[in-house]
Amino acid sequence: KYRGQGNMQEMGYYFVEYLSQKKIPFYLHVAE
């Protein structure tokens, strides 16, 4: 119901900022 509304973009910035500031490495995988 909430797809296509920019929520992943919003959360993406949040986790990039949070993990980068704390110097925690991160990565992810996505189905082909």
PDB file of all heavy atoms in Angstrom:
ATOM      1  N   LYS A   1       0.826  -1.216   0.000  1.00  0.00           N
ATOM      2  CA  LYS A   1       0.000   0.000   0.000  1.00  0.00           C
ATOM      3  C   LYS A   1       0.857   1.261   0.000  1.00  0.00           C
ATOM      4  O   LYS A   1       0.421   2.324  -0.479  1.00  0.00           O
ATOM      5  CB  LYS A   1      -0.908  -0.028   1.231  1.00  0.00           C
ATOM      6  CG  LYS A   1      -1.788   1.190   1.418  1.00  0.00           C
ATOM      7  CD  LYS A   1      -2.625   1.037   2.685  1.00  0.00           C
ATOM      8  CE  LYS A   1      -3.460   2.275   2.956  1.00  0.00           C
ATOM      9  NZ  LYS A   1      -4.253   2.136   4.210  1.00  0.00           N
ATOM     10  N   TYR A   2       2.078   1.172   0.517  1.00  0.00           N
ATOM     11  CA  TYR A   2       2.921   2.356   0.687  1.00  0.00           C
ATOM     12  C   TYR A   2       4.114   2.376  -0.270  1.00  0.00           C
ATOM     13  O   TYR A   2       5.033   3.183  -0.106  1.00  0.00           O
ATOM     14  CB  TYR A   2       3.411   2.430   2.132  1.00  0.00           C
ATOM     15  CG  TYR A   2       2.279   2.584   3.119  1.00  0.00           C
ATOM     16  CD1 TYR A   2       1.809   1.486   3.840  1.00  0.00           C
ATOM     17  CD2 TYR A   2       1.666   3.815   3.307  1.00  0.00           C
ATOM     18  CE1 TYR A   2       0.759   1.617   4.729  1.00  0.00           C
ATOM     19  CE2 TYR A   2       0.614   3.963   4.189  1.00  0.00           C
ATOM     20  CZ  TYR A   2       0.158   2.863   4.902  1.00  0.00           C
ATOM     21  OH  TYR A   2      -0.889   2.991   5.776  1.00  0.00           O
ATOM     22  N   ARG A   3       4.095   1.508  -1.280  1.00  0.00           N
ATOM     23  CA  ARG A   3       5.183   1.516  -2.252  1.00  0.00           C
ATOM     24  C   ARG A   3       5.023   2.687  -3.226  1.00  0.00           C
ATOM     25  O   ARG A   3       3.923   3.174  -3.458  1.00  0.00           O
ATOM     26  CB  ARG A   3       5.219   0.184  -3.006  1.00  0.00           C
ATOM     27  CG  ARG A   3       5.638  -0.975  -2.109  1.00  0.00           C
ATOM     28  CD  ARG A   3       5.555  -2.314  -2.790  1.00  0.00           C
ATOM     29  NE  ARG A   3       5.857  -3.392  -1.832  1.00  0.00           N
ATOM     30  CZ  ARG A   3       5.688  -4.681  -2.074  1.00  0.00           C
ATOM     31  NH1 ARG A   3       5.239  -5.076  -3.265  1.00  0.00           N
ATOM     32  NH2 ARG A   3       5.968  -5.570  -1.145  1.00  0.00           N
ATOM     33  N   GLY A   4       6.136   3.114  -3.799  1.00  0.00           N
ATOM     34  CA  GLY A   4       6.103   4.221  -4.750  1.00  0.00           C
ATOM     35  C   GLY A   4       5.920   5.573  -4.106  1.00  0.00           C
ATOM     36  O   GLY A   4       5.573   6.546  -4.779  1.00  0.00           O
ATOM     37  N   GLN A   5       6.163   5.653  -2.792  1.00  0.00           N
ATOM     38  CA  GLN A   5       5.961   6.914  -2.071  1.00  0.00           C
ATOM     39  C   GLN A   5       7.264   7.475  -1.496  1.00  0.00           C
ATOM     40  O   GLN A   5       7.248   8.405  -0.701  1.00  0.00           O
ATOM     41  CB  GLN A   5       4.929   6.710  -0.957  1.00  0.00           C
ATOM     42  CG  GLN A   5       3.565   6.272  -1.484  1.00  0.00           C
ATOM     43  CD  GLN A   5       2.548   6.051  -0.371  1.00  0.00           C
ATOM     44  OE1 GLN A   5       2.780   6.427   0.776  1.00  0.00           O
ATOM     45  NE2 GLN A   5       1.426   5.444  -0.702  1.00  0.00           N
ATOM     46  N   GLY A   6       8.379   6.900  -1.882  1.00  0.00           N
ATOM     47  CA  GLY A   6       9.663   7.431  -1.438  1.00  0.00           C
ATOM     48  C   GLY A   6      10.102   6.989  -0.063  1.00  0.00           C
ATOM     49  O   GLY A   6      11.068   7.527   0.488  1.00  0.00           O
ATOM     50  N   ASN A   7       9.441   5.985   0.513  1.00  0.00           N
ATOM     51  CA  ASN A   7       9.790   5.571   1.872  1.00  0.00           C
ATOM     52  C   ASN A   7      11.170   4.924   1.941  1.00  0.00           C
ATOM     53  O   ASN A   7      11.930   5.155   2.888  1.00  0.00           O
ATOM     54  CB  ASN A   7       8.728   4.603   2.405  1.00  0.00           C
ATOM     55  CG  ASN A   7       7.387   5.282   2.591  1.00  0.00           C
ATOM     56  OD1 ASN A   7       7.327   6.394   3.099  1.00  0.00           O
ATOM     57  ND2 ASN A   7       6.331   4.631   2.158  1.00  0.00           N
ATOM     58  N   MET A   8      11.491   4.084   0.957  1.00  0.00           N
ATOM     59  CA  MET A   8      12.814   3.457   0.950  1.00  0.00           C
ATOM     60  C   MET A   8      13.913   4.504   0.765  1.00  0.00           C
ATOM     61  O   MET A   8      15.008   4.380   1.316  1.00  0.00           O
ATOM     62  CB  MET A   8      12.896   2.392  -0.141  1.00  0.00           C
ATOM     63  CG  MET A   8      12.351   1.033   0.270  1.00  0.00           C
ATOM     64  SD  MET A   8      13.379   0.271   1.546  1.00  0.00           S
ATOM     65  CE  MET A   8      12.505  -1.291   1.765  1.00  0.00           C
ATOM     66  N   GLN A   9      13.650   5.532  -0.020  1.00  0.00           N
ATOM     67  CA  GLN A   9      14.627   6.610  -0.176  1.00  0.00           C
ATOM     68  C   GLN A   9      14.861   7.309   1.163  1.00  0.00           C
ATOM     69  O   GLN A   9      16.000   7.559   1.558  1.00  0.00           O
ATOM     70  CB  GLN A   9      14.141   7.630  -1.207  1.00  0.00           C
ATOM     71  CG  GLN A   9      14.181   7.133  -2.639  1.00  0.00           C
ATOM     72  CD  GLN A   9      13.808   8.221  -3.629  1.00  0.00           C
ATOM     73  OE1 GLN A   9      13.457   9.324  -3.244  1.00  0.00           O
ATOM     74  NE2 GLN A   9      13.883   7.891  -4.897  1.00  0.00           N
ATOM     75  N   GLU A  10      13.770   7.619   1.847  1.00  0.00           N
ATOM     76  CA  GLU A  10      13.878   8.291   3.146  1.00  0.00           C
ATOM     77  C   GLU A  10      14.656   7.438   4.136  1.00  0.00           C
ATOM     78  O   GLU A  10      15.573   7.909   4.820  1.00  0.00           O
ATOM     79  CB  GLU A  10      12.473   8.568   3.691  1.00  0.00           C
ATOM     80  CG  GLU A  10      12.428   9.175   5.079  1.00  0.00           C
ATOM     81  CD  GLU A  10      12.889  10.617   5.109  1.00  0.00           C
ATOM     82  OE1 GLU A  10      12.860  11.268   4.048  1.00  0.00           O
ATOM     83  OE2 GLU A  10      13.277  11.091   6.197  1.00  0.00           O
ATOM     84  N   MET A  11      14.312   6.164   4.211  1.00  0.00           N
ATOM     85  CA  MET A  11      14.994   5.258   5.134  1.00  0.00           C
ATOM     86  C   MET A  11      16.437   5.026   4.701  1.00  0.00           C
ATOM     87  O   MET A  11      17.333   4.902   5.534  1.00  0.00           O
ATOM     88  CB  MET A  11      14.234   3.933   5.211  1.00  0.00           C
ATOM     89  CG  MET A  11      14.795   2.964   6.237  1.00  0.00           C
ATOM     90  SD  MET A  11      13.743   1.513   6.437  1.00  0.00           S
ATOM     91  CE  MET A  11      13.821   0.800   4.787  1.00  0.00           C
ATOM     92  N   GLY A  12      16.659   4.983   3.378  1.00  0.00           N
ATOM     93  CA  GLY A  12      18.000   4.789   2.859  1.00  0.00           C
ATOM     94  C   GLY A  12      18.944   5.879   3.315  1.00  0.00           C
ATOM     95  O   GLY A  12      20.071   5.596   3.747  1.00  0.00           O
ATOM     96  N   TYR A  13      18.504   7.131   3.237  1.00  0.00           N
ATOM     97  CA  TYR A  13      19.364   8.198   3.715  1.00  0.00           C
ATOM     98  C   TYR A  13      19.637   8.026   5.211  1.00  0.00           C
ATOM     99  O   TYR A  13      20.767   8.185   5.683  1.00  0.00           O
ATOM    100  CB  TYR A  13      18.775   9.592   3.469  1.00  0.00           C
ATOM    101  CG  TYR A  13      19.618  10.601   4.185  1.00  0.00           C
ATOM    102  CD1 TYR A  13      20.880  10.932   3.700  1.00  0.00           C
ATOM    103  CD2 TYR A  13      19.221  11.091   5.426  1.00  0.00           C
ATOM    104  CE1 TYR A  13      21.711  11.751   4.413  1.00  0.00           C
ATOM    105  CE2 TYR A  13      20.057  11.911   6.150  1.00  0.00           C
ATOM    106  CZ  TYR A  13      21.296  12.242   5.639  1.00  0.00           C
ATOM    107  OH  TYR A  13      22.133  13.039   6.361  1.00  0.00           O
ATOM    108  N   TYR A  14      18.605   7.660   5.958  1.00  0.00           N
ATOM    109  CA  TYR A  14      18.730   7.538   7.405  1.00  0.00           C
ATOM    110  C   TYR A  14      19.763   6.483   7.788  1.00  0.00           C
ATOM    111  O   TYR A  14      20.640   6.720   8.618  1.00  0.00           O
ATOM    112  CB  TYR A  14      17.363   7.207   8.003  1.00  0.00           C
ATOM    113  CG  TYR A  14      17.323   7.091   9.497  1.00  0.00           C
ATOM    114  CD1 TYR A  14      17.786   8.119  10.321  1.00  0.00           C
ATOM    115  CD2 TYR A  14      16.798   5.955  10.109  1.00  0.00           C
ATOM    116  CE1 TYR A  14      17.740   8.023  11.693  1.00  0.00           C
ATOM    117  CE2 TYR A  14      16.745   5.843  11.483  1.00  0.00           C
ATOM    118  CZ  TYR A  14      17.223   6.875  12.277  1.00  0.00           C
ATOM    119  OH  TYR A  14      17.166   6.762  13.640  1.00  0.00           O
ATOM    120  N   PHE A  15      19.687   5.298   7.164  1.00  0.00           N
ATOM    121  CA  PHE A  15      20.642   4.267   7.568  1.00  0.00           C
ATOM    122  C   PHE A  15      22.044   4.537   7.035  1.00  0.00           C
ATOM    123  O   PHE A  15      23.040   4.200   7.688  1.00  0.00           O
ATOM    124  CB  PHE A  15      20.147   2.845   7.260  1.00  0.00           C
ATOM    125  CG  PHE A  15      20.168   2.369   5.841  1.00  0.00           C
ATOM    126  CD1 PHE A  15      21.349   2.193   5.142  1.00  0.00           C
ATOM    127  CD2 PHE A  15      18.984   2.028   5.199  1.00  0.00           C
ATOM    128  CE1 PHE A  15      21.364   1.714   3.838  1.00  0.00           C
ATOM    129  CE2 PHE A  15      18.982   1.548   3.901  1.00  0.00           C
ATOM    130  CZ  PHE A  15      20.180   1.388   3.211  1.00  0.00           C
ATOM    131  N   VAL A  16      22.163   5.163   5.860  1.00  0.00           N
ATOM    132  CA  VAL A  16      23.490   5.528   5.364  1.00  0.00           C
ATOM    133  C   VAL A  16      24.159   6.510   6.329  1.00  0.00           C
ATOM    134  O   VAL A  16      25.332   6.349   6.699  1.00  0.00           O
ATOM    135  CB  VAL A  16      23.391   6.142   3.954  1.00  0.00           C
ATOM    136  CG1 VAL A  16      24.700   6.832   3.570  1.00  0.00           C
ATOM    137  CG2 VAL A  16      23.060   5.064   2.929  1.00  0.00           C
ATOM    138  N   GLU A  17      23.410   7.513   6.768  1.00  0.00           N
ATOM    139  CA  GLU A  17      23.957   8.510   7.688  1.00  0.00           C
ATOM    140  C   GLU A  17      24.315   7.877   9.037  1.00  0.00           C
ATOM    141  O   GLU A  17      25.413   8.079   9.568  1.00  0.00           O
ATOM    142  CB  GLU A  17      22.948   9.638   7.897  1.00  0.00           C
ATOM    143  CG  GLU A  17      23.445  10.725   8.840  1.00  0.00           C
ATOM    144  CD  GLU A  17      22.396  11.797   9.072  1.00  0.00           C
ATOM    145  OE1 GLU A  17      21.237  11.440   9.353  1.00  0.00           O
ATOM    146  OE2 GLU A  17      22.738  12.991   8.995  1.00  0.00           O
ATOM    147  N   TYR A  18      23.394   7.072   9.566  1.00  0.00           N
ATOM    148  CA  TYR A  18      23.591   6.471  10.887  1.00  0.00           C
ATOM    149  C   TYR A  18      24.814   5.561  10.898  1.00  0.00           C
ATOM    150  O   TYR A  18      25.698   5.670  11.758  1.00  0.00           O
ATOM    151  CB  TYR A  18      22.337   5.685  11.277  1.00  0.00           C
ATOM    152  CG  TYR A  18      22.430   4.965  12.608  1.00  0.00           C
ATOM    153  CD1 TYR A  18      21.987   5.567  13.776  1.00  0.00           C
ATOM    154  CD2 TYR A  18      22.946   3.664  12.692  1.00  0.00           C
ATOM    155  CE1 TYR A  18      22.060   4.913  14.999  1.00  0.00           C
ATOM    156  CE2 TYR A  18      23.019   3.005  13.911  1.00  0.00           C
ATOM    157  CZ  TYR A  18      22.585   3.630  15.059  1.00  0.00           C
ATOM    158  OH  TYR A  18      22.661   2.972  16.254  1.00  0.00           O
ATOM    159  N   LEU A  19      24.891   4.636   9.946  1.00  0.00           N
ATOM    160  CA  LEU A  19      25.970   3.657   9.926  1.00  0.00           C
ATOM    161  C   LEU A  19      27.313   4.306   9.588  1.00  0.00           C
ATOM    162  O   LEU A  19      28.351   3.908  10.118  1.00  0.00           O
ATOM    163  CB  LEU A  19      25.646   2.539   8.942  1.00  0.00           C
ATOM    164  CG  LEU A  19      24.402   1.702   9.290  1.00  0.00           C
ATOM    165  CD1 LEU A  19      24.061   0.752   8.152  1.00  0.00           C
ATOM    166  CD2 LEU A  19      24.613   0.927  10.590  1.00  0.00           C
ATOM    167  N   SER A  20      27.279   5.290   8.698  1.00  0.00           N
ATOM    168  CA  SER A  20      28.525   5.962   8.323  1.00  0.00           C
ATOM    169  C   SER A  20      29.101   6.741   9.494  1.00  0.00           C
ATOM    170  O   SER A  20      30.314   6.708   9.744  1.00  0.00           O
ATOM    171  CB  SER A  20      28.283   6.901   7.140  1.00  0.00           C
ATOM    172  OG  SER A  20      27.810   6.183   6.026  1.00  0.00           O
ATOM    173  N   GLN A  21      28.246   7.423  10.234  1.00  0.00           N
ATOM    174  CA  GLN A  21      28.733   8.194  11.375  1.00  0.00           C
ATOM    175  C   GLN A  21      29.302   7.296  12.463  1.00  0.00           C
ATOM    176  O   GLN A  21      30.252   7.656  13.156  1.00  0.00           O
ATOM    177  CB  GLN A  21      27.608   9.063  11.934  1.00  0.00           C
ATOM    178  CG  GLN A  21      27.243  10.230  11.038  1.00  0.00           C
ATOM    179  CD  GLN A  21      26.125  11.084  11.605  1.00  0.00           C
ATOM    180  OE1 GLN A  21      25.481  10.731  12.597  1.00  0.00           O
ATOM    181  NE2 GLN A  21      25.882  12.224  10.975  1.00  0.00           N
ATOM    182  N   LYS A  22      28.745   6.098  12.602  1.00  0.00           N
ATOM    183  CA  LYS A  22      29.223   5.165  13.615  1.00  0.00           C
ATOM    184  C   LYS A  22      30.329   4.240  13.080  1.00  0.00           C
ATOM    185  O   LYS A  22      30.792   3.349  13.801  1.00  0.00           O
ATOM    186  CB  LYS A  22      28.056   4.332  14.151  1.00  0.00           C
ATOM    187  CG  LYS A  22      27.069   5.147  14.971  1.00  0.00           C
ATOM    188  CD  LYS A  22      26.000   4.286  15.604  1.00  0.00           C
ATOM    189  CE  LYS A  22      25.090   5.101  16.502  1.00  0.00           C
ATOM    190  NZ  LYS A  22      25.790   5.646  17.695  1.00  0.00           N
ATOM    191  N   LYS A  23      30.705   4.453  11.814  1.00  0.00           N
ATOM    192  CA  LYS A  23      31.778   3.675  11.180  1.00  0.00           C
ATOM    193  C   LYS A  23      31.498   2.178  11.181  1.00  0.00           C
ATOM    194  O   LYS A  23      32.393   1.346  11.400  1.00  0.00           O
ATOM    195  CB  LYS A  23      33.124   3.984  11.839  1.00  0.00           C
ATOM    196  CG  LYS A  23      33.522   5.454  11.802  1.00  0.00           C
ATOM    197  CD  LYS A  23      34.904   5.666  12.377  1.00  0.00           C
ATOM    198  CE  LYS A  23      35.263   7.142  12.492  1.00  0.00           C
ATOM    199  NZ  LYS A  23      35.214   7.878  11.252  1.00  0.00           N
ATOM    200  N   ILE A  24      30.234   1.824  10.954  1.00  0.00           N
ATOM    201  CA  ILE A  24      29.834   0.427  10.845  1.00  0.00           C
ATOM    202  C   ILE A  24      29.791   0.060   9.363  1.00  0.00           C
ATOM    203  O   ILE A  24      29.083   0.707   8.589  1.00  0.00           O
ATOM    204  CB  ILE A  24      28.442   0.198  11.471  1.00  0.00           C
ATOM    205  CG1 ILE A  24      28.455   0.583  12.947  1.00  0.00           C
ATOM    206  CG2 ILE A  24      28.005  -1.258  11.308  1.00  0.00           C
ATOM    207  CD1 ILE A  24      27.082   0.531  13.605  1.00  0.00           C
ATOM    208  N   PRO A  25      30.531  -0.957   8.927  1.00  0.00           N
ATOM    209  CA  PRO A  25      30.455  -1.349   7.515  1.00  0.00           C
ATOM    210  C   PRO A  25      29.067  -1.889   7.197  1.00  0.00           C
ATOM    211  O   PRO A  25      28.397  -2.447   8.068  1.00  0.00           O
ATOM    212  CB  PRO A  25      31.521  -2.445   7.396  1.00  0.00           C
ATOM    213  CG  PRO A  25      31.700  -2.972   8.781  1.00  0.00           C
ATOM    214  CD  PRO A  25      31.438  -1.818   9.707  1.00  0.00           C
ATOM    215  N   PHE A  26      28.651  -1.734   5.955  1.00  0.00           N
ATOM    216  CA  PHE A  26      27.336  -2.247   5.578  1.00  0.00           C
ATOM    217  C   PHE A  26      27.290  -2.506   4.082  1.00  0.00           C
ATOM    218  O   PHE A  26      28.018  -1.908   3.299  1.00  0.00           O
ATOM    219  CB  PHE A  26      26.217  -1.284   5.993  1.00  0.00           C
ATOM    220  CG  PHE A  26      26.301   0.084   5.363  1.00  0.00           C
ATOM    221  CD1 PHE A  26      25.601   0.372   4.202  1.00  0.00           C
ATOM    222  CD2 PHE A  26      27.085   1.079   5.943  1.00  0.00           C
ATOM    223  CE1 PHE A  26      25.675   1.629   3.625  1.00  0.00           C
ATOM    224  CE2 PHE A  26      27.168   2.342   5.364  1.00  0.00           C
ATOM    225  CZ  PHE A  26      26.459   2.616   4.205  1.00  0.00           C
ATOM    226  N   TYR A  27      26.416  -3.404   3.700  1.00  0.00           N
ATOM    227  CA  TYR A  27      26.213  -3.791   2.307  1.00  0.00           C
ATOM    228  C   TYR A  27      24.907  -4.557   2.269  1.00  0.00           C
ATOM    229  O   TYR A  27      24.294  -4.829   3.321  1.00  0.00           O
ATOM    230  CB  TYR A  27      27.383  -4.658   1.805  1.00  0.00           C
ATOM    231  CG  TYR A  27      27.635  -5.874   2.670  1.00  0.00           C
ATOM    232  CD1 TYR A  27      27.128  -7.126   2.328  1.00  0.00           C
ATOM    233  CD2 TYR A  27      28.373  -5.776   3.860  1.00  0.00           C
ATOM    234  CE1 TYR A  27      27.338  -8.237   3.131  1.00  0.00           C
ATOM    235  CE2 TYR A  27      28.589  -6.880   4.668  1.00  0.00           C
ATOM    236  CZ  TYR A  27      28.066  -8.100   4.302  1.00  0.00           C
ATOM    237  OH  TYR A  27      28.257  -9.195   5.096  1.00  0.00           O
ATOM    238  N   LEU A  28      24.435  -4.919   1.109  1.00  0.00           N
ATOM    239  CA  LEU A  28      23.183  -5.660   1.011  1.00  0.00           C
ATOM    240  C   LEU A  28      23.108  -6.402  -0.303  1.00  0.00           C
ATOM    241  O   LEU A  28      23.847  -6.106  -1.240  1.00  0.00           O
ATOM    242  CB  LEU A  28      21.978  -4.747   1.193  1.00  0.00           C
ATOM    243  CG  LEU A  28      21.725  -3.614   0.188  1.00  0.00           C
ATOM    244  CD1 LEU A  28      20.297  -3.131   0.307  1.00  0.00           C
ATOM    245  CD2 LEU A  28      22.642  -2.422   0.451  1.00  0.00           C
ATOM    246  N   HIS A  29      22.215  -7.380  -0.351  1.00  0.00           N
ATOM    247  CA  HIS A  29      22.006  -8.106  -1.604  1.00  0.00           C
ATOM    248  C   HIS A  29      20.547  -7.979  -2.007  1.00  0.00           C
ATOM    249  O   HIS A  29      19.658  -7.791  -1.174  1.00  0.00           O
ATOM    250  CB  HIS A  29      22.409  -9.579  -1.464  1.00  0.00           C
ATOM    251  CG  HIS A  29      21.410 -10.420  -0.730  1.00  0.00           C
ATOM    252  ND1 HIS A  29      21.451 -10.638   0.619  1.00  0.00           N
ATOM    253  CD2 HIS A  29      20.323 -11.108  -1.180  1.00  0.00           C
ATOM    254  CE1 HIS A  29      20.452 -11.419   0.991  1.00  0.00           C
ATOM    255  NE2 HIS A  29      19.748 -11.717  -0.083  1.00  0.00           N
ATOM    256  N   VAL A  30      20.317  -8.079  -3.307  1.00  0.00           N
ATOM    257  CA  VAL A  30      18.972  -7.940  -3.860  1.00  0.00           C
ATOM    258  C   VAL A  30      18.803  -8.983  -4.953  1.00  0.00           C
ATOM    259  O   VAL A  30      19.716  -9.215  -5.751  1.00  0.00           O
ATOM    260  CB  VAL A  30      18.740  -6.522  -4.454  1.00  0.00           C
ATOM    261  CG1 VAL A  30      17.325  -6.387  -5.008  1.00  0.00           C
ATOM    262  CG2 VAL A  30      19.003  -5.451  -3.400  1.00  0.00           C
ATOM    263  N   ALA A  31      17.638  -9.600  -5.008  1.00  0.00           N
ATOM    264  CA  ALA A  31      17.356 -10.601  -6.032  1.00  0.00           C
ATOM    265  C   ALA A  31      17.535 -10.008  -7.427  1.00  0.00           C
ATOM    266  O   ALA A  31      17.279  -8.822  -7.660  1.00  0.00           O
ATOM    267  CB  ALA A  31      15.938 -11.140  -5.861  1.00  0.00           C
ATOM    268  N   GLU A  32      17.969 -10.845  -8.354  1.00  0.00           N
ATOM    269  CA  GLU A  32      18.221 -10.404  -9.725  1.00  0.00           C
ATOM    270  C   GLU A  32      16.990  -9.758 -10.355  1.00  0.00           C
ATOM    271  O   GLU A  32      17.089  -8.839 -11.174  1.00  0.00           O
ATOM    272  CB  GLU A  32      18.656 -11.603 -10.580  1.00  0.00           C
ATOM    273  CG  GLU A  32      19.913 -12.313 -10.094  1.00  0.00           C
ATOM    274  CD  GLU A  32      21.177 -11.742 -10.705  1.00  0.00           C
ATOM    275  OE1 GLU A  32      21.065 -10.840 -11.563  1.00  0.00           O
ATOM    276  OE2 GLU A  32      22.264 -12.209 -10.324  1.00  0.00           O
TER     277      GLU A  32
END
